[in-house]
Amino acid sequence: GAGFGGRGMRVPQVRQAKATVTGSLDGVIIRRIVRAHIGEVRHCYNQGLISDPSLSGRVVIQFVIDALGNVAAAMVAKTELPDPEVGKCIAEAAKRWRFPKAESGNKVIVHYPFVLSPG
């Protein structure tokens, strides 16, 4: 199928751009955890590539990390993709991610951009 790579085929690219973090968790830690889950983001993108092999653009996911390190809420803050389901899929995946407890015990708000291109 389209988007899954292979010999002679383009490999889809999922790149992380610089995140905006409001709160006490270090951006480096957040980036490391998101990178550990990049396969979930790639899965969402591959689903979109099945219906549109030229699908590309930037998606910004906003998520809120609670005091215990759980993602309390996640949503698409901005998308350039014509297929809204890809962003929704990434936001749903983000709700399952776990982060360290915030040092201050307050919530942390993250705007995390992903740049998606078919390769």
C-alpha atoms as a PDB file:
ATOM      1  CA  GLY A   1       0.000   0.000   0.000  1.00  0.00           C
ATOM      2  CA  ALA A   2       0.947   3.619  -0.405  1.00  0.00           C
ATOM      3  CA  GLY A   3       3.112   5.203   2.249  1.00  0.00           C
ATOM      4  CA  PHE A   4       4.700   2.102   3.716  1.00  0.00           C
ATOM      5  CA  GLY A   5       8.060   2.332   1.984  1.00  0.00           C
ATOM      6  CA  GLY A   6       9.895  -0.577   0.438  1.00  0.00           C
ATOM      7  CA  ARG A   7      12.398  -1.075  -2.334  1.00  0.00           C
ATOM      8  CA  GLY A   8      12.269   1.795  -4.817  1.00  0.00           C
ATOM      9  CA  MET A   9       9.503   3.593  -2.939  1.00  0.00           C
ATOM     10  CA  ARG A  10       9.638   6.860  -1.048  1.00  0.00           C
ATOM     11  CA  VAL A  11       9.597   6.550   2.711  1.00  0.00           C
ATOM     12  CA  PRO A  12       7.176   8.881   4.557  1.00  0.00           C
ATOM     13  CA  GLN A  13       8.867  11.452   6.775  1.00  0.00           C
ATOM     14  CA  VAL A  14       7.587  12.456  10.212  1.00  0.00           C
ATOM     15  CA  ARG A  15       9.733  15.228  11.666  1.00  0.00           C
ATOM     16  CA  GLN A  16       9.374  16.962  15.004  1.00  0.00           C
ATOM     17  CA  ALA A  17       9.608  20.744  15.040  1.00  0.00           C
ATOM     18  CA  LYS A  18      10.360  22.918  18.075  1.00  0.00           C
ATOM     19  CA  ALA A  19       7.669  22.571  20.730  1.00  0.00           C
ATOM     20  CA  THR A  20       6.306  25.351  22.904  1.00  0.00           C
ATOM     21  CA  VAL A  21       6.113  24.298  26.562  1.00  0.00           C
ATOM     22  CA  THR A  22       4.289  26.247  29.279  1.00  0.00           C
ATOM     23  CA  GLY A  23       5.019  24.773  32.684  1.00  0.00           C
ATOM     24  CA  SER A  24       7.764  23.099  34.681  1.00  0.00           C
ATOM     25  CA  LEU A  25       8.642  20.077  32.525  1.00  0.00           C
ATOM     26  CA  ASP A  26      11.825  20.376  30.486  1.00  0.00           C
ATOM     27  CA  GLY A  27      11.283  20.497  26.722  1.00  0.00           C
ATOM     28  CA  VAL A  28      14.119  17.998  26.235  1.00  0.00           C
ATOM     29  CA  ILE A  29      12.281  15.407  28.328  1.00  0.00           C
ATOM     30  CA  ILE A  30       9.044  16.031  26.441  1.00  0.00           C
ATOM     31  CA  ARG A  31      10.825  15.675  23.087  1.00  0.00           C
ATOM     32  CA  ARG A  32      12.440  12.390  24.203  1.00  0.00           C
ATOM     33  CA  ILE A  33       9.078  10.914  25.188  1.00  0.00           C
ATOM     34  CA  VAL A  34       7.373  12.089  21.989  1.00  0.00           C
ATOM     35  CA  ARG A  35      10.244  10.579  19.976  1.00  0.00           C
ATOM     36  CA  ALA A  36       9.663   7.260  21.769  1.00  0.00           C
ATOM     37  CA  HIS A  37       6.073   7.358  20.470  1.00  0.00           C
ATOM     38  CA  ILE A  38       6.875   8.581  16.947  1.00  0.00           C
ATOM     39  CA  GLY A  39       5.751   5.214  15.553  1.00  0.00           C
ATOM     40  CA  GLU A  40       2.196   6.035  16.649  1.00  0.00           C
ATOM     41  CA  VAL A  41       2.374   9.377  14.830  1.00  0.00           C
ATOM     42  CA  ARG A  42       3.772   7.627  11.743  1.00  0.00           C
ATOM     43  CA  HIS A  43       0.917   5.094  11.886  1.00  0.00           C
ATOM     44  CA  CYS A  44      -1.643   7.927  11.828  1.00  0.00           C
ATOM     45  CA  TYR A  45       0.141   9.552   8.893  1.00  0.00           C
ATOM     46  CA  ASN A  46       0.344   6.259   6.994  1.00  0.00           C
ATOM     47  CA  GLN A  47      -3.430   5.865   7.422  1.00  0.00           C
ATOM     48  CA  GLY A  48      -3.886   9.255   5.732  1.00  0.00           C
ATOM     49  CA  LEU A  49      -1.446   8.355   2.951  1.00  0.00           C
ATOM     50  CA  ILE A  50      -3.590   5.363   1.994  1.00  0.00           C
ATOM     51  CA  SER A  51      -6.379   7.659   0.803  1.00  0.00           C
ATOM     52  CA  ASP A  52      -4.098  10.500  -0.396  1.00  0.00           C
ATOM     53  CA  PRO A  53      -0.531   9.447  -1.361  1.00  0.00           C
ATOM     54  CA  SER A  54       0.543  13.106  -1.703  1.00  0.00           C
ATOM     55  CA  LEU A  55      -0.707  14.117   1.767  1.00  0.00           C
ATOM     56  CA  SER A  56       1.755  16.470   3.455  1.00  0.00           C
ATOM     57  CA  GLY A  57       1.863  19.413   5.822  1.00  0.00           C
ATOM     58  CA  ARG A  58       2.299  20.525   9.392  1.00  0.00           C
ATOM     59  CA  VAL A  59       0.109  19.439  12.307  1.00  0.00           C
ATOM     60  CA  VAL A  60       0.339  21.054  15.746  1.00  0.00           C
ATOM     61  CA  ILE A  61      -0.994  18.975  18.619  1.00  0.00           C
ATOM     62  CA  GLN A  62      -1.765  20.706  21.906  1.00  0.00           C
ATOM     63  CA  PHE A  63      -1.742  18.507  24.971  1.00  0.00           C
ATOM     64  CA  VAL A  64      -2.020  19.118  28.683  1.00  0.00           C
ATOM     65  CA  ILE A  65       0.114  17.053  31.054  1.00  0.00           C
ATOM     66  CA  ASP A  66      -1.364  16.847  34.549  1.00  0.00           C
ATOM     67  CA  ALA A  67       0.587  16.851  37.830  1.00  0.00           C
ATOM     68  CA  LEU A  68       0.978  13.054  37.707  1.00  0.00           C
ATOM     69  CA  GLY A  69       2.425  12.997  34.185  1.00  0.00           C
ATOM     70  CA  ASN A  70      -0.726  11.819  32.408  1.00  0.00           C
ATOM     71  CA  VAL A  71      -2.039  13.582  29.321  1.00  0.00           C
ATOM     72  CA  ALA A  72      -5.309  15.036  30.571  1.00  0.00           C
ATOM     73  CA  ALA A  73      -6.360  16.435  27.190  1.00  0.00           C
ATOM     74  CA  ALA A  74      -5.076  16.499  23.622  1.00  0.00           C
ATOM     75  CA  MET A  75      -6.402  18.217  20.509  1.00  0.00           C
ATOM     76  CA  VAL A  76      -5.371  19.495  17.106  1.00  0.00           C
ATOM     77  CA  ALA A  77      -4.333  23.125  17.606  1.00  0.00           C
ATOM     78  CA  LYS A  78      -3.553  23.725  13.932  1.00  0.00           C
ATOM     79  CA  THR A  79      -3.324  21.637  10.786  1.00  0.00           C
ATOM     80  CA  GLU A  80      -2.345  22.209   7.174  1.00  0.00           C
ATOM     81  CA  LEU A  81      -3.533  18.734   6.172  1.00  0.00           C
ATOM     82  CA  PRO A  82      -6.713  18.409   4.094  1.00  0.00           C
ATOM     83  CA  ASP A  83      -7.482  15.185   6.010  1.00  0.00           C
ATOM     84  CA  PRO A  84      -8.534  16.121   9.590  1.00  0.00           C
ATOM     85  CA  GLU A  85      -8.519  12.456  10.669  1.00  0.00           C
ATOM     86  CA  VAL A  86      -4.701  12.327  10.717  1.00  0.00           C
ATOM     87  CA  GLY A  87      -4.495  15.099  13.332  1.00  0.00           C
ATOM     88  CA  LYS A  88      -7.327  13.555  15.358  1.00  0.00           C
ATOM     89  CA  CYS A  89      -5.516  10.207  15.315  1.00  0.00           C
ATOM     90  CA  ILE A  90      -2.288  11.822  16.575  1.00  0.00           C
ATOM     91  CA  ALA A  91      -4.185  13.653  19.336  1.00  0.00           C
ATOM     92  CA  GLU A  92      -5.847  10.390  20.418  1.00  0.00           C
ATOM     93  CA  ALA A  93      -2.435   8.690  20.525  1.00  0.00           C
ATOM     94  CA  ALA A  94      -1.014  11.551  22.628  1.00  0.00           C
ATOM     95  CA  LYS A  95      -3.669  10.915  25.294  1.00  0.00           C
ATOM     96  CA  ARG A  96      -1.981   7.557  26.000  1.00  0.00           C
ATOM     97  CA  TRP A  97       1.525   8.993  26.481  1.00  0.00           C
ATOM     98  CA  ARG A  98       3.031   9.229  29.981  1.00  0.00           C
ATOM     99  CA  PHE A  99       5.444  11.885  31.183  1.00  0.00           C
ATOM    100  CA  PRO A 100       7.348  12.444  34.452  1.00  0.00           C
ATOM    101  CA  LYS A 101       5.491  14.207  37.247  1.00  0.00           C
ATOM    102  CA  ALA A 102       5.735  17.976  36.961  1.00  0.00           C
ATOM    103  CA  GLU A 103       8.149  19.367  39.567  1.00  0.00           C
ATOM    104  CA  SER A 104       5.796  22.160  40.564  1.00  0.00           C
ATOM    105  CA  GLY A 105       2.776  19.881  40.689  1.00  0.00           C
ATOM    106  CA  ASN A 106       1.050  22.086  38.113  1.00  0.00           C
ATOM    107  CA  LYS A 107      -0.181  21.188  34.673  1.00  0.00           C
ATOM    108  CA  VAL A 108       2.069  21.615  31.650  1.00  0.00           C
ATOM    109  CA  ILE A 109       0.697  22.803  28.294  1.00  0.00           C
ATOM    110  CA  VAL A 110       2.556  21.698  25.176  1.00  0.00           C
ATOM    111  CA  HIS A 111       2.116  22.749  21.546  1.00  0.00           C
ATOM    112  CA  TYR A 112       3.952  20.092  19.550  1.00  0.00           C
ATOM    113  CA  PRO A 113       4.370  20.473  15.783  1.00  0.00           C
ATOM    114  CA  PHE A 114       4.921  17.559  13.424  1.00  0.00           C
ATOM    115  CA  VAL A 115       5.965  18.053   9.798  1.00  0.00           C
ATOM    116  CA  LEU A 116       4.675  15.256   7.579  1.00  0.00           C
ATOM    117  CA  SER A 117       5.863  14.590   4.046  1.00  0.00           C
ATOM    118  CA  PRO A 118       5.439  11.574   1.760  1.00  0.00           C
ATOM    119  CA  GLY A 119       9.211  11.278   1.229  1.00  0.00           C
END
